Amino acid sequence: MTVDRSYGDHQTRYVLRDGAAVSCVLIFDASQNGQAAWKILLPGPGGTEDQYGAKAFAAPDGGQLRMWLAPVVGADRATELASAVDAQPPHESAWTR
């Protein structure tokens, strides 16, 4: 599994790939009136990304992300995504400590 990180507008995207296929996408979205939130998207039909859930955390925290994501994407994928966030968190200007 690999995680690719990208920025666009007020979002940081962490795309988890299993080989060439997208396994899931974790998004940090800071565009909602100052209320930043994490969103998890799962592959849908026809190449769509369907939002499965959203959660607001005061700051990027690997432990909280793992606990929230594990029931959704499984423990291994949750650990992989949380490790990627710990290694390269969203730009600090997008979230509040």
C-alpha atoms as a PDB file:
ATOM      1  CA  MET A   1       0.000   0.000   0.000  1.00  0.00           C
ATOM      2  CA  THR A   2       1.144   3.524  -0.755  1.00  0.00           C
ATOM      3  CA  VAL A   3      -0.239   6.936   0.183  1.00  0.00           C
ATOM      4  CA  ASP A   4      -0.059   9.925  -2.161  1.00  0.00           C
ATOM      5  CA  ARG A   5      -0.617  13.371  -0.663  1.00  0.00           C
ATOM      6  CA  SER A   6      -1.761  16.420  -2.616  1.00  0.00           C
ATOM      7  CA  TYR A   7      -3.038  19.937  -1.906  1.00  0.00           C
ATOM      8  CA  GLY A   8      -5.767  21.872  -3.649  1.00  0.00           C
ATOM      9  CA  ASP A   9      -7.648  24.942  -2.493  1.00  0.00           C
ATOM     10  CA  HIS A  10      -8.407  24.271   1.181  1.00  0.00           C
ATOM     11  CA  GLN A  11      -8.026  20.507   0.997  1.00  0.00           C
ATOM     12  CA  THR A  12      -5.264  18.036   1.666  1.00  0.00           C
ATOM     13  CA  ARG A  13      -5.919  14.633   0.074  1.00  0.00           C
ATOM     14  CA  TYR A  14      -4.314  11.374   1.183  1.00  0.00           C
ATOM     15  CA  VAL A  15      -4.992   8.715  -1.457  1.00  0.00           C
ATOM     16  CA  LEU A  16      -4.330   5.156  -0.309  1.00  0.00           C
ATOM     17  CA  ARG A  17      -3.530   2.809  -3.171  1.00  0.00           C
ATOM     18  CA  ASP A  18      -3.301  -0.941  -3.164  1.00  0.00           C
ATOM     19  CA  GLY A  19      -1.235  -1.449  -6.283  1.00  0.00           C
ATOM     20  CA  ALA A  20      -2.795   0.665  -9.016  1.00  0.00           C
ATOM     21  CA  ALA A  21      -6.287   0.671  -7.470  1.00  0.00           C
ATOM     22  CA  VAL A  22      -7.500   3.400  -5.110  1.00  0.00           C
ATOM     23  CA  SER A  23      -8.418   1.795  -1.806  1.00  0.00           C
ATOM     24  CA  CYS A  24      -9.765   4.935  -0.091  1.00  0.00           C
ATOM     25  CA  VAL A  25      -9.197   8.685   0.166  1.00  0.00           C
ATOM     26  CA  LEU A  26      -8.788  10.689   3.371  1.00  0.00           C
ATOM     27  CA  ILE A  27      -9.415  14.412   2.965  1.00  0.00           C
ATOM     28  CA  PHE A  28      -8.669  17.237   5.354  1.00  0.00           C
ATOM     29  CA  ASP A  29     -11.098  19.980   4.345  1.00  0.00           C
ATOM     30  CA  ALA A  30     -10.572  23.428   5.862  1.00  0.00           C
ATOM     31  CA  SER A  31     -13.108  25.221   3.670  1.00  0.00           C
ATOM     32  CA  GLN A  32     -16.209  24.950   5.865  1.00  0.00           C
ATOM     33  CA  ASN A  33     -16.432  28.369   7.571  1.00  0.00           C
ATOM     34  CA  GLY A  34     -13.359  27.731   9.690  1.00  0.00           C
ATOM     35  CA  GLN A  35     -14.635  24.332  10.804  1.00  0.00           C
ATOM     36  CA  ALA A  36     -12.002  21.971   9.426  1.00  0.00           C
ATOM     37  CA  ALA A  37     -13.009  18.334   9.128  1.00  0.00           C
ATOM     38  CA  TRP A  38     -11.620  15.012   8.021  1.00  0.00           C
ATOM     39  CA  LYS A  39     -13.606  13.077   5.417  1.00  0.00           C
ATOM     40  CA  ILE A  40     -13.197   9.478   4.336  1.00  0.00           C
ATOM     41  CA  LEU A  41     -14.196   8.497   0.811  1.00  0.00           C
ATOM     42  CA  LEU A  42     -14.502   4.970  -0.496  1.00  0.00           C
ATOM     43  CA  PRO A  43     -14.509   3.887  -4.142  1.00  0.00           C
ATOM     44  CA  GLY A  44     -17.993   3.833  -5.623  1.00  0.00           C
ATOM     45  CA  PRO A  45     -19.468   2.575  -8.868  1.00  0.00           C
ATOM     46  CA  GLY A  46     -17.977   3.856 -12.100  1.00  0.00           C
ATOM     47  CA  GLY A  47     -14.872   5.349 -10.474  1.00  0.00           C
ATOM     48  CA  THR A  48     -16.733   7.717  -8.152  1.00  0.00           C
ATOM     49  CA  GLU A  49     -15.614   8.553  -4.631  1.00  0.00           C
ATOM     50  CA  ASP A  50     -18.446   8.228  -2.137  1.00  0.00           C
ATOM     51  CA  GLN A  51     -18.166  10.010   1.196  1.00  0.00           C
ATOM     52  CA  TYR A  52     -18.573   7.522   4.002  1.00  0.00           C
ATOM     53  CA  GLY A  53     -18.145   9.811   6.980  1.00  0.00           C
ATOM     54  CA  ALA A  54     -16.731  13.041   8.388  1.00  0.00           C
ATOM     55  CA  LYS A  55     -15.211  13.965  11.729  1.00  0.00           C
ATOM     56  CA  ALA A  56     -13.846  17.204  13.175  1.00  0.00           C
ATOM     57  CA  PHE A  57     -10.649  17.076  15.229  1.00  0.00           C
ATOM     58  CA  ALA A  58      -8.944  20.117  16.731  1.00  0.00           C
ATOM     59  CA  ALA A  59      -5.647  19.145  15.045  1.00  0.00           C
ATOM     60  CA  PRO A  60      -4.258  16.286  12.983  1.00  0.00           C
ATOM     61  CA  ASP A  61      -3.701  13.414  15.393  1.00  0.00           C
ATOM     62  CA  GLY A  62      -2.706   9.951  14.201  1.00  0.00           C
ATOM     63  CA  GLY A  63      -4.195   8.127  17.180  1.00  0.00           C
ATOM     64  CA  GLN A  64      -7.611   9.759  16.828  1.00  0.00           C
ATOM     65  CA  LEU A  65      -7.602   9.171  13.075  1.00  0.00           C
ATOM     66  CA  ARG A  66      -6.736   5.485  13.525  1.00  0.00           C
ATOM     67  CA  MET A  67      -9.552   4.958  16.029  1.00  0.00           C
ATOM     68  CA  TRP A  68     -12.077   6.720  13.777  1.00  0.00           C
ATOM     69  CA  LEU A  69     -10.943   5.084  10.527  1.00  0.00           C
ATOM     70  CA  ALA A  70     -10.351   1.474  11.652  1.00  0.00           C
ATOM     71  CA  PRO A  71     -14.052   0.460  11.703  1.00  0.00           C
ATOM     72  CA  VAL A  72     -14.504   2.045   8.262  1.00  0.00           C
ATOM     73  CA  VAL A  73     -11.433   0.933   6.295  1.00  0.00           C
ATOM     74  CA  GLY A  74      -9.834  -1.711   8.533  1.00  0.00           C
ATOM     75  CA  ALA A  75      -6.928  -1.518  10.950  1.00  0.00           C
ATOM     76  CA  ASP A  76      -4.124  -1.826   8.370  1.00  0.00           C
ATOM     77  CA  ARG A  77      -5.473   0.908   6.110  1.00  0.00           C
ATOM     78  CA  ALA A  78      -6.250   3.150   9.079  1.00  0.00           C
ATOM     79  CA  THR A  79      -2.672   2.766  10.337  1.00  0.00           C
ATOM     80  CA  GLU A  80      -1.265   3.505   6.880  1.00  0.00           C
ATOM     81  CA  LEU A  81      -3.350   6.689   6.524  1.00  0.00           C
ATOM     82  CA  ALA A  82      -2.647   7.892  10.075  1.00  0.00           C
ATOM     83  CA  SER A  83       1.088   7.328   9.570  1.00  0.00           C
ATOM     84  CA  ALA A  84       0.974   9.393   6.373  1.00  0.00           C
ATOM     85  CA  VAL A  85      -0.794  12.226   8.221  1.00  0.00           C
ATOM     86  CA  ASP A  86       1.754  12.058  11.057  1.00  0.00           C
ATOM     87  CA  ALA A  87       4.616  12.166   8.534  1.00  0.00           C
ATOM     88  CA  GLN A  88       3.135  15.004   6.457  1.00  0.00           C
ATOM     89  CA  PRO A  89       0.235  16.775   8.192  1.00  0.00           C
ATOM     90  CA  PRO A  90      -1.966  19.322   6.417  1.00  0.00           C
ATOM     91  CA  HIS A  91      -0.612  22.847   6.253  1.00  0.00           C
ATOM     92  CA  GLU A  92      -0.810  24.299   9.742  1.00  0.00           C
ATOM     93  CA  SER A  93      -2.648  27.381   8.471  1.00  0.00           C
ATOM     94  CA  ALA A  94      -5.595  25.108   7.620  1.00  0.00           C
ATOM     95  CA  TRP A  95      -6.244  23.934  11.167  1.00  0.00           C
ATOM     96  CA  THR A  96      -6.346  25.347  14.676  1.00  0.00           C
ATOM     97  CA  ARG A  97      -4.392  23.929  17.579  1.00  0.00           C
END
